[in-house]
Amino acid sequence: MKQLLIAFMSLFLSIPSGKSQNMCGVYKTANDLKYQQFNITADRQTKGHAIEVSNFFLRPYIYIHTGGKKIKIPMDSIYALKQYDEKIYRIWQRKCYQLIDSSFLLIFSYKNRITKMIPTSRSARPVTVTQREYYFCCDYSEPLIPLTPDNILLALHADKPLSKAIHQRFRNQQELIETKQAQQTSINLFLKNYKQQER
């Protein structure tokens, strides 16, 4: 278990941070995002329109303003994108998941629109609401899975002491994603501290 936690820490500490700083564009592979290497760089002067996502489910595309032109790329041909506002989104199953914390686990959020039936005086009416969901993976090449204490333990192949510590500290997903110091989620901060105590 100790060796596994050290391997995760080494992975994130080795990622260069300056190659695409203050830039926006698309990453075609997991390694491109891991090492911050754009395949296509967008024109920052177009600001919020530098990269646009078409959510039409039959033909989802990414539109990129680059070199004074607007090009169209199928959404499923790229791995991730970095917007003008510095936010990074991973494309997974034709949806955009925002990377919110990469300090240990890679944690993503997704705004899902769902329809709920709201009771009225006579019956019920459908209302569309936005629900934020959270996912994670241990490596950029891995699929996204729902962020829960049990899924984290499975992904980390946790031993009994770590399993007990996580279940005692975290009761639900909301406690996992509470933002702590330096915009780190509470679960990532917990895992980093746990790893340091094992040394």
N, C-alpha and C. Protein backbone atom coordinates (compact mmCIF):
# COMPACT_ATOMS: atom_id res chain seq x y z
N MET A 1 0.83 -1.20 0.00
CA MET A 1 0.00 0.00 0.00
C MET A 1 0.86 1.26 0.00
N LYS A 2 1.94 1.23 0.81
CA LYS A 2 2.82 2.39 0.88
C LYS A 2 3.45 2.66 -0.47
N GLN A 3 3.88 1.59 -1.17
CA GLN A 3 4.50 1.76 -2.48
C GLN A 3 3.52 2.32 -3.50
N LEU A 4 2.25 1.91 -3.41
CA LEU A 4 1.24 2.40 -4.34
C LEU A 4 0.99 3.89 -4.15
N LEU A 5 0.89 4.33 -2.89
CA LEU A 5 0.67 5.75 -2.61
C LEU A 5 1.86 6.59 -3.07
N ILE A 6 3.06 6.07 -2.87
CA ILE A 6 4.26 6.79 -3.33
C ILE A 6 4.26 6.93 -4.84
N ALA A 7 3.82 5.87 -5.54
CA ALA A 7 3.79 5.90 -7.01
C ALA A 7 2.83 6.98 -7.50
N PHE A 8 1.66 7.13 -6.84
CA PHE A 8 0.71 8.15 -7.24
C PHE A 8 1.28 9.54 -7.02
N MET A 9 1.94 9.75 -5.88
CA MET A 9 2.52 11.05 -5.61
C MET A 9 3.60 11.39 -6.62
N SER A 10 4.41 10.42 -6.99
CA SER A 10 5.48 10.66 -7.96
C SER A 10 4.91 11.03 -9.31
N LEU A 11 3.78 10.41 -9.67
CA LEU A 11 3.14 10.70 -10.94
C LEU A 11 2.75 12.17 -11.04
N PHE A 12 2.08 12.71 -10.02
CA PHE A 12 1.58 14.07 -10.09
C PHE A 12 2.68 15.10 -9.89
N LEU A 13 3.66 14.79 -9.06
CA LEU A 13 4.74 15.74 -8.85
C LEU A 13 5.65 15.87 -10.07
N SER A 14 5.61 14.87 -10.97
CA SER A 14 6.48 14.90 -12.15
C SER A 14 5.86 15.61 -13.33
N ILE A 15 4.60 16.06 -13.20
CA ILE A 15 3.92 16.69 -14.33
C ILE A 15 4.39 18.12 -14.51
N PRO A 16 4.92 18.47 -15.69
CA PRO A 16 5.32 19.85 -15.93
C PRO A 16 4.10 20.76 -15.93
N SER A 17 4.26 21.99 -15.49
CA SER A 17 3.10 22.88 -15.40
C SER A 17 3.21 24.11 -16.28
N GLY A 18 4.33 24.35 -16.90
CA GLY A 18 4.50 25.61 -17.59
C GLY A 18 4.30 25.58 -19.08
N LYS A 19 4.22 24.41 -19.70
CA LYS A 19 4.21 24.35 -21.16
C LYS A 19 2.96 24.94 -21.77
N SER A 20 1.81 24.80 -21.11
CA SER A 20 0.59 25.36 -21.68
C SER A 20 -0.04 26.38 -20.74
N GLN A 21 0.78 26.94 -19.85
CA GLN A 21 0.26 27.95 -18.93
C GLN A 21 -0.15 29.19 -19.70
N ASN A 22 -1.31 29.75 -19.31
CA ASN A 22 -1.85 30.95 -19.96
C ASN A 22 -2.14 30.74 -21.44
N MET A 23 -2.42 29.50 -21.82
CA MET A 23 -2.79 29.18 -23.19
C MET A 23 -4.05 28.34 -23.15
N CYS A 24 -4.68 28.19 -24.30
CA CYS A 24 -5.84 27.30 -24.38
C CYS A 24 -5.76 26.50 -25.67
N GLY A 25 -6.34 25.32 -25.66
CA GLY A 25 -6.26 24.45 -26.82
C GLY A 25 -6.79 23.07 -26.49
N VAL A 26 -6.45 22.08 -27.33
CA VAL A 26 -6.96 20.73 -27.14
C VAL A 26 -5.81 19.74 -27.01
N TYR A 27 -6.08 18.68 -26.25
CA TYR A 27 -5.14 17.57 -26.06
C TYR A 27 -5.78 16.33 -26.69
N LYS A 28 -5.05 15.67 -27.57
CA LYS A 28 -5.63 14.51 -28.25
C LYS A 28 -5.48 13.21 -27.48
N THR A 29 -4.52 13.13 -26.57
CA THR A 29 -4.30 11.90 -25.82
C THR A 29 -4.15 12.20 -24.33
N ALA A 30 -4.20 11.13 -23.54
CA ALA A 30 -4.02 11.27 -22.09
C ALA A 30 -2.63 11.80 -21.77
N ASN A 31 -1.61 11.33 -22.49
CA ASN A 31 -0.25 11.81 -22.25
C ASN A 31 -0.08 13.28 -22.60
N ASP A 32 -0.82 13.75 -23.61
CA ASP A 32 -0.74 15.18 -23.95
C ASP A 32 -1.20 16.03 -22.78
N LEU A 33 -2.28 15.62 -22.12
CA LEU A 33 -2.75 16.37 -20.96
C LEU A 33 -1.79 16.19 -19.79
N LYS A 34 -1.32 14.98 -19.59
CA LYS A 34 -0.41 14.70 -18.48
C LYS A 34 0.82 15.59 -18.53
N TYR A 35 1.37 15.79 -19.75
CA TYR A 35 2.58 16.59 -19.90
C TYR A 35 2.29 18.00 -20.44
N GLN A 36 0.99 18.37 -20.47
CA GLN A 36 0.59 19.72 -20.83
C GLN A 36 1.12 20.14 -22.19
N GLN A 37 0.86 19.31 -23.20
CA GLN A 37 1.30 19.59 -24.57
C GLN A 37 0.08 19.65 -25.48
N PHE A 38 -0.21 20.86 -25.98
CA PHE A 38 -1.35 21.02 -26.88
C PHE A 38 -1.06 20.41 -28.25
N ASN A 39 -2.10 19.82 -28.86
CA ASN A 39 -2.01 19.42 -30.26
C ASN A 39 -2.45 20.56 -31.17
N ILE A 40 -3.43 21.31 -30.70
CA ILE A 40 -3.89 22.51 -31.41
C ILE A 40 -4.06 23.61 -30.38
N THR A 41 -3.43 24.74 -30.64
CA THR A 41 -3.55 25.89 -29.74
C THR A 41 -4.59 26.86 -30.28
N ALA A 42 -5.49 27.28 -29.41
CA ALA A 42 -6.54 28.20 -29.83
C ALA A 42 -6.09 29.65 -29.70
N ASP A 43 -6.75 30.53 -30.43
CA ASP A 43 -6.44 31.97 -30.39
C ASP A 43 -7.08 32.57 -29.14
N ARG A 44 -6.24 33.02 -28.20
CA ARG A 44 -6.76 33.56 -26.95
C ARG A 44 -7.50 34.88 -27.15
N GLN A 45 -7.20 35.59 -28.25
CA GLN A 45 -7.87 36.87 -28.45
C GLN A 45 -9.36 36.72 -28.70
N THR A 46 -9.79 35.48 -29.04
CA THR A 46 -11.22 35.24 -29.22
C THR A 46 -11.91 34.96 -27.90
N LYS A 47 -11.10 34.89 -26.81
CA LYS A 47 -11.58 34.76 -25.44
C LYS A 47 -12.58 33.60 -25.29
N GLY A 48 -13.80 33.91 -24.84
CA GLY A 48 -14.77 32.86 -24.57
C GLY A 48 -15.16 32.03 -25.76
N HIS A 49 -14.83 32.49 -26.97
CA HIS A 49 -15.17 31.74 -28.18
C HIS A 49 -13.98 30.98 -28.74
N ALA A 50 -12.86 30.95 -28.00
CA ALA A 50 -11.66 30.26 -28.50
C ALA A 50 -11.93 28.79 -28.77
N ILE A 51 -12.65 28.15 -27.84
CA ILE A 51 -13.05 26.76 -28.01
C ILE A 51 -14.52 26.65 -27.68
N GLU A 52 -15.29 26.14 -28.61
CA GLU A 52 -16.73 25.99 -28.40
C GLU A 52 -17.12 24.53 -28.55
N VAL A 53 -18.04 24.10 -27.70
CA VAL A 53 -18.48 22.71 -27.70
C VAL A 53 -19.90 22.63 -28.21
N SER A 54 -20.11 21.79 -29.23
CA SER A 54 -21.45 21.54 -29.75
C SER A 54 -22.01 20.33 -29.03
N ASN A 55 -23.10 20.49 -28.31
CA ASN A 55 -23.66 19.40 -27.52
C ASN A 55 -24.73 18.60 -28.26
N PHE A 56 -24.87 18.84 -29.58
CA PHE A 56 -25.87 18.09 -30.34
C PHE A 56 -25.49 16.62 -30.31
N PHE A 57 -26.32 15.78 -29.74
CA PHE A 57 -25.92 14.41 -29.41
C PHE A 57 -25.63 13.54 -30.63
N LEU A 58 -26.20 13.84 -31.78
CA LEU A 58 -25.94 13.01 -32.96
C LEU A 58 -24.57 13.29 -33.56
N ARG A 59 -24.13 14.55 -33.51
CA ARG A 59 -22.83 14.92 -34.07
C ARG A 59 -22.14 15.93 -33.16
N PRO A 60 -21.63 15.48 -32.04
CA PRO A 60 -20.93 16.41 -31.14
C PRO A 60 -19.56 16.81 -31.69
N TYR A 61 -19.30 18.11 -31.74
CA TYR A 61 -18.04 18.61 -32.28
C TYR A 61 -17.42 19.62 -31.32
N ILE A 62 -16.12 19.81 -31.49
CA ILE A 62 -15.39 20.89 -30.83
C ILE A 62 -14.99 21.88 -31.92
N TYR A 63 -15.33 23.16 -31.73
CA TYR A 63 -14.95 24.20 -32.68
C TYR A 63 -13.79 25.01 -32.07
N ILE A 64 -12.72 25.15 -32.82
CA ILE A 64 -11.52 25.82 -32.33
C ILE A 64 -11.15 26.97 -33.25
N HIS A 65 -10.97 28.14 -32.67
CA HIS A 65 -10.48 29.29 -33.42
C HIS A 65 -8.95 29.29 -33.34
N THR A 66 -8.30 29.05 -34.44
CA THR A 66 -6.84 29.00 -34.46
C THR A 66 -6.32 29.53 -35.79
N GLY A 67 -5.26 30.32 -35.72
CA GLY A 67 -4.67 30.88 -36.94
C GLY A 67 -5.64 31.72 -37.74
N GLY A 68 -6.57 32.37 -37.07
CA GLY A 68 -7.55 33.19 -37.76
C GLY A 68 -8.67 32.41 -38.42
N LYS A 69 -8.70 31.09 -38.21
CA LYS A 69 -9.74 30.25 -38.80
C LYS A 69 -10.50 29.50 -37.71
N LYS A 70 -11.67 29.02 -38.08
CA LYS A 70 -12.49 28.22 -37.18
C LYS A 70 -12.55 26.80 -37.74
N ILE A 71 -11.96 25.85 -37.00
CA ILE A 71 -11.95 24.47 -37.46
C ILE A 71 -12.86 23.62 -36.58
N LYS A 72 -13.33 22.51 -37.18
CA LYS A 72 -14.27 21.62 -36.49
C LYS A 72 -13.63 20.25 -36.32
N ILE A 73 -13.67 19.73 -35.07
CA ILE A 73 -13.07 18.43 -34.77
C ILE A 73 -14.12 17.57 -34.06
N PRO A 74 -14.30 16.33 -34.48
CA PRO A 74 -15.23 15.44 -33.77
C PRO A 74 -14.84 15.33 -32.29
N MET A 75 -15.82 15.43 -31.41
CA MET A 75 -15.53 15.43 -29.99
C MET A 75 -14.82 14.15 -29.53
N ASP A 76 -15.18 13.01 -30.12
CA ASP A 76 -14.58 11.76 -29.67
C ASP A 76 -13.17 11.53 -30.21
N SER A 77 -12.62 12.50 -30.94
CA SER A 77 -11.24 12.35 -31.44
C SER A 77 -10.23 13.07 -30.57
N ILE A 78 -10.69 13.75 -29.51
CA ILE A 78 -9.76 14.43 -28.61
C ILE A 78 -9.98 13.91 -27.18
N TYR A 79 -8.95 14.10 -26.35
CA TYR A 79 -9.02 13.61 -24.97
C TYR A 79 -9.50 14.68 -24.01
N ALA A 80 -9.02 15.90 -24.20
CA ALA A 80 -9.36 16.98 -23.27
C ALA A 80 -9.16 18.33 -23.94
N LEU A 81 -9.67 19.37 -23.29
CA LEU A 81 -9.50 20.73 -23.78
C LEU A 81 -9.28 21.67 -22.62
N LYS A 82 -8.58 22.76 -22.90
CA LYS A 82 -8.35 23.80 -21.90
C LYS A 82 -8.93 25.10 -22.42
N GLN A 83 -9.89 25.64 -21.69
CA GLN A 83 -10.59 26.83 -22.12
C GLN A 83 -9.80 28.10 -21.82
N TYR A 84 -10.33 29.21 -22.32
CA TYR A 84 -9.71 30.52 -22.12
C TYR A 84 -9.59 30.86 -20.64
N ASP A 85 -10.54 30.40 -19.83
CA ASP A 85 -10.54 30.70 -18.40
C ASP A 85 -9.65 29.75 -17.60
N GLU A 86 -8.80 28.96 -18.30
CA GLU A 86 -7.83 28.04 -17.69
C GLU A 86 -8.47 26.75 -17.17
N LYS A 87 -9.77 26.58 -17.32
CA LYS A 87 -10.41 25.35 -16.87
C LYS A 87 -10.15 24.22 -17.88
N ILE A 88 -9.87 23.04 -17.34
CA ILE A 88 -9.58 21.87 -18.17
C ILE A 88 -10.76 20.91 -18.11
N TYR A 89 -11.17 20.41 -19.29
CA TYR A 89 -12.27 19.47 -19.38
C TYR A 89 -11.82 18.21 -20.09
N ARG A 90 -12.08 17.09 -19.48
CA ARG A 90 -11.80 15.81 -20.14
C ARG A 90 -13.05 15.37 -20.89
N ILE A 91 -12.86 14.88 -22.11
CA ILE A 91 -13.98 14.36 -22.90
C ILE A 91 -14.11 12.88 -22.58
N TRP A 92 -15.24 12.51 -22.05
CA TRP A 92 -15.47 11.11 -21.69
C TRP A 92 -16.90 10.74 -22.10
N GLN A 93 -17.00 9.77 -23.02
CA GLN A 93 -18.29 9.34 -23.53
C GLN A 93 -19.11 10.52 -24.06
N ARG A 94 -18.41 11.37 -24.83
CA ARG A 94 -19.02 12.52 -25.51
C ARG A 94 -19.60 13.57 -24.55
N LYS A 95 -19.02 13.64 -23.36
CA LYS A 95 -19.42 14.66 -22.40
C LYS A 95 -18.16 15.32 -21.84
N CYS A 96 -18.31 16.56 -21.37
CA CYS A 96 -17.18 17.33 -20.84
C CYS A 96 -17.18 17.31 -19.32
N TYR A 97 -16.12 16.77 -18.75
CA TYR A 97 -15.97 16.68 -17.30
C TYR A 97 -14.85 17.62 -16.87
N GLN A 98 -15.15 18.55 -15.98
CA GLN A 98 -14.15 19.53 -15.56
C GLN A 98 -13.21 18.94 -14.52
N LEU A 99 -11.91 19.09 -14.77
CA LEU A 99 -10.90 18.65 -13.81
C LEU A 99 -10.82 19.69 -12.70
N ILE A 100 -11.19 19.30 -11.48
CA ILE A 100 -11.23 20.27 -10.38
C ILE A 100 -10.09 20.08 -9.38
N ASP A 101 -9.43 18.93 -9.41
CA ASP A 101 -8.32 18.70 -8.47
C ASP A 101 -7.47 17.55 -8.99
N SER A 102 -6.17 17.81 -9.14
CA SER A 102 -5.25 16.77 -9.61
C SER A 102 -4.09 16.58 -8.64
N SER A 103 -4.28 16.98 -7.38
CA SER A 103 -3.18 16.94 -6.42
C SER A 103 -2.89 15.53 -5.91
N PHE A 104 -3.79 14.60 -6.12
CA PHE A 104 -3.54 13.19 -5.81
C PHE A 104 -4.38 12.35 -6.75
N LEU A 105 -5.63 12.10 -6.40
CA LEU A 105 -6.55 11.53 -7.37
C LEU A 105 -6.92 12.60 -8.39
N LEU A 106 -7.30 12.19 -9.58
CA LEU A 106 -7.80 13.14 -10.59
C LEU A 106 -9.31 13.21 -10.41
N ILE A 107 -9.80 14.34 -9.94
CA ILE A 107 -11.21 14.48 -9.61
C ILE A 107 -11.89 15.42 -10.59
N PHE A 108 -13.03 14.99 -11.10
CA PHE A 108 -13.77 15.73 -12.13
C PHE A 108 -15.20 15.99 -11.66
N SER A 109 -15.76 17.08 -12.18
CA SER A 109 -17.18 17.35 -11.93
C SER A 109 -17.91 17.43 -13.27
N TYR A 110 -19.19 17.09 -13.22
CA TYR A 110 -20.03 17.12 -14.43
C TYR A 110 -21.39 17.68 -14.07
N LYS A 111 -21.85 18.65 -14.85
CA LYS A 111 -23.17 19.22 -14.64
C LYS A 111 -24.18 18.45 -15.49
N ASN A 112 -24.99 17.68 -14.82
CA ASN A 112 -25.97 16.84 -15.50
C ASN A 112 -27.36 17.45 -15.39
N ARG A 113 -28.03 17.56 -16.51
CA ARG A 113 -29.39 18.10 -16.50
C ARG A 113 -30.37 16.94 -16.43
N ILE A 114 -31.19 16.95 -15.40
CA ILE A 114 -32.16 15.88 -15.21
C ILE A 114 -33.57 16.48 -15.08
N THR A 115 -34.54 15.65 -15.35
CA THR A 115 -35.94 16.08 -15.26
C THR A 115 -36.57 15.47 -14.00
N LYS A 116 -37.13 16.34 -13.18
CA LYS A 116 -37.82 15.90 -11.97
C LYS A 116 -39.31 16.25 -12.07
N MET A 117 -40.11 15.41 -11.47
CA MET A 117 -41.54 15.69 -11.41
C MET A 117 -41.85 16.44 -10.12
N ILE A 118 -42.36 17.65 -10.28
CA ILE A 118 -42.69 18.50 -9.13
C ILE A 118 -44.20 18.43 -8.87
N PRO A 119 -44.59 18.03 -7.67
CA PRO A 119 -46.03 17.95 -7.37
C PRO A 119 -46.72 19.31 -7.47
N THR A 120 -47.90 19.31 -8.01
CA THR A 120 -48.73 20.53 -8.05
C THR A 120 -50.05 20.22 -7.33
N SER A 121 -50.93 21.20 -7.34
CA SER A 121 -52.20 21.01 -6.63
C SER A 121 -53.05 19.91 -7.26
N ARG A 122 -52.87 19.68 -8.57
CA ARG A 122 -53.71 18.69 -9.24
C ARG A 122 -52.94 17.41 -9.61
N SER A 123 -51.68 17.57 -10.03
CA SER A 123 -50.92 16.37 -10.43
C SER A 123 -49.42 16.63 -10.19
N ALA A 124 -48.66 16.62 -11.27
CA ALA A 124 -47.22 16.90 -11.20
C ALA A 124 -46.77 17.42 -12.55
N ARG A 125 -45.73 18.25 -12.53
CA ARG A 125 -45.21 18.79 -13.78
C ARG A 125 -43.70 18.56 -13.85
N PRO A 126 -43.18 18.31 -15.05
CA PRO A 126 -41.74 18.07 -15.19
C PRO A 126 -40.94 19.38 -15.14
N VAL A 127 -39.83 19.35 -14.42
CA VAL A 127 -38.94 20.51 -14.32
C VAL A 127 -37.51 20.04 -14.54
N THR A 128 -36.79 20.73 -15.41
CA THR A 128 -35.40 20.39 -15.68
C THR A 128 -34.48 21.13 -14.72
N VAL A 129 -33.64 20.40 -14.02
CA VAL A 129 -32.72 20.99 -13.05
C VAL A 129 -31.30 20.52 -13.35
N THR A 130 -30.32 21.30 -12.88
CA THR A 130 -28.92 20.93 -13.06
C THR A 130 -28.40 20.29 -11.78
N GLN A 131 -27.79 19.13 -11.94
CA GLN A 131 -27.26 18.38 -10.81
C GLN A 131 -25.77 18.13 -11.03
N ARG A 132 -24.94 18.53 -10.07
CA ARG A 132 -23.49 18.33 -10.21
C ARG A 132 -23.10 16.95 -9.70
N GLU A 133 -22.37 16.23 -10.55
CA GLU A 133 -21.91 14.89 -10.21
C GLU A 133 -20.39 14.86 -10.20
N TYR A 134 -19.81 13.93 -9.46
CA TYR A 134 -18.35 13.88 -9.31
C TYR A 134 -17.81 12.50 -9.67
N TYR A 135 -16.67 12.53 -10.36
CA TYR A 135 -16.02 11.31 -10.82
C TYR A 135 -14.52 11.41 -10.56
N PHE A 136 -13.82 10.28 -10.71
CA PHE A 136 -12.38 10.32 -10.50
C PHE A 136 -11.71 9.19 -11.25
N CYS A 137 -10.39 9.29 -11.34
CA CYS A 137 -9.54 8.20 -11.80
C CYS A 137 -8.18 8.39 -11.16
N CYS A 138 -7.36 7.36 -11.18
CA CYS A 138 -6.04 7.43 -10.55
C CYS A 138 -4.97 7.82 -11.55
N ASP A 139 -5.25 7.66 -12.83
CA ASP A 139 -4.29 7.97 -13.87
C ASP A 139 -5.04 8.54 -15.07
N TYR A 140 -4.40 9.39 -15.85
CA TYR A 140 -5.07 10.04 -16.98
C TYR A 140 -5.60 9.05 -18.01
N SER A 141 -5.02 7.87 -18.08
CA SER A 141 -5.43 6.89 -19.09
C SER A 141 -6.61 6.03 -18.65
N GLU A 142 -7.04 6.18 -17.41
CA GLU A 142 -8.09 5.33 -16.87
C GLU A 142 -9.48 5.92 -17.11
N PRO A 143 -10.51 5.06 -17.13
CA PRO A 143 -11.89 5.56 -17.26
C PRO A 143 -12.32 6.30 -16.01
N LEU A 144 -13.34 7.13 -16.15
CA LEU A 144 -13.89 7.85 -15.01
C LEU A 144 -14.92 6.97 -14.30
N ILE A 145 -14.88 6.99 -12.98
CA ILE A 145 -15.85 6.26 -12.19
C ILE A 145 -16.42 7.19 -11.12
N PRO A 146 -17.64 6.92 -10.65
CA PRO A 146 -18.24 7.79 -9.64
C PRO A 146 -17.38 7.92 -8.39
N LEU A 147 -17.31 9.12 -7.87
CA LEU A 147 -16.50 9.39 -6.68
C LEU A 147 -17.27 8.99 -5.43
N THR A 148 -16.91 7.85 -4.86
CA THR A 148 -17.48 7.38 -3.60
C THR A 148 -16.35 6.81 -2.75
N PRO A 149 -16.52 6.76 -1.42
CA PRO A 149 -15.48 6.17 -0.58
C PRO A 149 -15.13 4.73 -0.99
N ASP A 150 -16.14 3.92 -1.29
CA ASP A 150 -15.88 2.53 -1.65
C ASP A 150 -15.13 2.41 -2.97
N ASN A 151 -15.48 3.25 -3.96
CA ASN A 151 -14.78 3.20 -5.25
C ASN A 151 -13.32 3.64 -5.10
N ILE A 152 -13.07 4.60 -4.23
CA ILE A 152 -11.70 5.05 -3.99
C ILE A 152 -10.88 3.91 -3.37
N LEU A 153 -11.45 3.21 -2.41
CA LEU A 153 -10.74 2.10 -1.77
C LEU A 153 -10.42 1.00 -2.78
N LEU A 154 -11.35 0.71 -3.67
CA LEU A 154 -11.11 -0.30 -4.70
C LEU A 154 -10.01 0.15 -5.66
N ALA A 155 -10.06 1.40 -6.08
CA ALA A 155 -9.07 1.91 -7.04
C ALA A 155 -7.67 1.93 -6.45
N LEU A 156 -7.56 2.20 -5.16
CA LEU A 156 -6.25 2.26 -4.51
C LEU A 156 -5.79 0.92 -3.95
N HIS A 157 -6.64 -0.12 -4.09
CA HIS A 157 -6.33 -1.43 -3.51
C HIS A 157 -5.96 -1.25 -2.03
N ALA A 158 -6.81 -0.54 -1.34
CA ALA A 158 -6.51 -0.10 0.02
C ALA A 158 -6.42 -1.27 0.99
N ASP A 159 -5.47 -1.17 1.92
CA ASP A 159 -5.37 -2.16 2.99
C ASP A 159 -6.35 -1.79 4.11
N LYS A 160 -6.40 -2.60 5.16
CA LYS A 160 -7.38 -2.38 6.23
C LYS A 160 -7.21 -1.05 6.95
N PRO A 161 -5.96 -0.65 7.29
CA PRO A 161 -5.82 0.65 7.98
C PRO A 161 -6.34 1.83 7.16
N LEU A 162 -6.04 1.85 5.86
CA LEU A 162 -6.53 2.96 5.03
C LEU A 162 -8.04 2.88 4.86
N SER A 163 -8.57 1.68 4.68
CA SER A 163 -10.02 1.52 4.56
C SER A 163 -10.74 2.05 5.79
N LYS A 164 -10.22 1.69 6.94
CA LYS A 164 -10.83 2.14 8.19
C LYS A 164 -10.73 3.66 8.33
N ALA A 165 -9.57 4.21 7.98
CA ALA A 165 -9.36 5.66 8.10
C ALA A 165 -10.31 6.44 7.19
N ILE A 166 -10.50 5.96 5.96
CA ILE A 166 -11.37 6.67 5.00
C ILE A 166 -12.83 6.57 5.45
N HIS A 167 -13.25 5.38 5.90
CA HIS A 167 -14.65 5.24 6.32
C HIS A 167 -14.94 6.04 7.59
N GLN A 168 -13.95 6.21 8.44
CA GLN A 168 -14.16 7.02 9.64
C GLN A 168 -14.22 8.51 9.31
N ARG A 169 -13.45 8.93 8.30
CA ARG A 169 -13.38 10.36 7.96
C ARG A 169 -14.47 10.80 7.01
N PHE A 170 -14.85 9.94 6.05
CA PHE A 170 -15.78 10.35 4.99
C PHE A 170 -17.03 9.47 5.00
N ARG A 171 -18.17 10.11 5.14
CA ARG A 171 -19.43 9.37 5.16
C ARG A 171 -20.15 9.40 3.82
N ASN A 172 -19.87 10.41 3.00
CA ASN A 172 -20.59 10.55 1.73
C ASN A 172 -19.74 11.33 0.74
N GLN A 173 -20.28 11.49 -0.46
CA GLN A 173 -19.55 12.17 -1.52
C GLN A 173 -19.31 13.64 -1.21
N GLN A 174 -20.26 14.28 -0.61
CA GLN A 174 -20.12 15.71 -0.31
C GLN A 174 -18.91 15.97 0.57
N GLU A 175 -18.65 15.10 1.53
CA GLU A 175 -17.49 15.27 2.40
C GLU A 175 -16.19 15.03 1.64
N LEU A 176 -16.24 14.21 0.59
CA LEU A 176 -15.04 13.94 -0.20
C LEU A 176 -14.59 15.16 -0.99
N ILE A 177 -15.54 15.95 -1.46
CA ILE A 177 -15.18 17.03 -2.41
C ILE A 177 -15.18 18.41 -1.77
N GLU A 178 -15.35 18.50 -0.46
CA GLU A 178 -15.24 19.80 0.20
C GLU A 178 -13.88 20.42 -0.10
N THR A 179 -13.88 21.69 -0.47
CA THR A 179 -12.63 22.36 -0.84
C THR A 179 -11.87 22.80 0.40
N LYS A 180 -10.60 22.40 0.45
CA LYS A 180 -9.75 22.75 1.57
C LYS A 180 -8.67 23.72 1.11
N GLN A 181 -7.52 23.69 1.75
CA GLN A 181 -6.45 24.63 1.45
C GLN A 181 -5.96 24.48 0.01
N ALA A 182 -5.60 25.63 -0.59
CA ALA A 182 -5.08 25.67 -1.97
C ALA A 182 -6.01 24.98 -2.96
N GLN A 183 -7.31 25.09 -2.71
CA GLN A 183 -8.33 24.55 -3.61
C GLN A 183 -8.25 23.02 -3.76
N GLN A 184 -7.67 22.35 -2.78
CA GLN A 184 -7.63 20.90 -2.81
C GLN A 184 -8.90 20.33 -2.20
N THR A 185 -9.40 19.24 -2.76
CA THR A 185 -10.53 18.57 -2.16
C THR A 185 -10.09 17.87 -0.89
N SER A 186 -11.02 17.64 0.00
CA SER A 186 -10.67 17.06 1.29
C SER A 186 -10.12 15.64 1.15
N ILE A 187 -10.60 14.87 0.17
CA ILE A 187 -10.09 13.50 0.01
C ILE A 187 -8.64 13.52 -0.47
N ASN A 188 -8.29 14.41 -1.38
CA ASN A 188 -6.90 14.47 -1.84
C ASN A 188 -5.96 14.95 -0.75
N LEU A 189 -6.41 15.92 0.01
CA LEU A 189 -5.59 16.41 1.12
C LEU A 189 -5.40 15.30 2.16
N PHE A 190 -6.46 14.55 2.42
CA PHE A 190 -6.39 13.43 3.36
C PHE A 190 -5.39 12.37 2.88
N LEU A 191 -5.45 12.01 1.60
CA LEU A 191 -4.57 10.97 1.07
C LEU A 191 -3.11 11.41 1.07
N LYS A 192 -2.87 12.67 0.78
CA LYS A 192 -1.49 13.18 0.81
C LYS A 192 -0.94 13.15 2.23
N ASN A 193 -1.74 13.56 3.19
CA ASN A 193 -1.30 13.53 4.59
C ASN A 193 -1.09 12.11 5.07
N TYR A 194 -1.96 11.21 4.65
CA TYR A 194 -1.85 9.80 5.05
C TYR A 194 -0.56 9.20 4.52
N LYS A 195 -0.23 9.55 3.27
CA LYS A 195 0.99 9.04 2.66
C LYS A 195 2.22 9.54 3.42
N GLN A 196 2.21 10.82 3.82
CA GLN A 196 3.34 11.39 4.55
C GLN A 196 3.52 10.76 5.92
N GLN A 197 2.41 10.38 6.55
CA GLN A 197 2.49 9.75 7.86
C GLN A 197 3.04 8.34 7.77
N GLU A 198 2.91 7.70 6.60
CA GLU A 198 3.40 6.34 6.42
C GLU A 198 4.92 6.28 6.30
N ARG A 199 5.54 7.41 5.99
CA ARG A 199 6.98 7.41 5.77
C ARG A 199 7.73 7.10 7.06
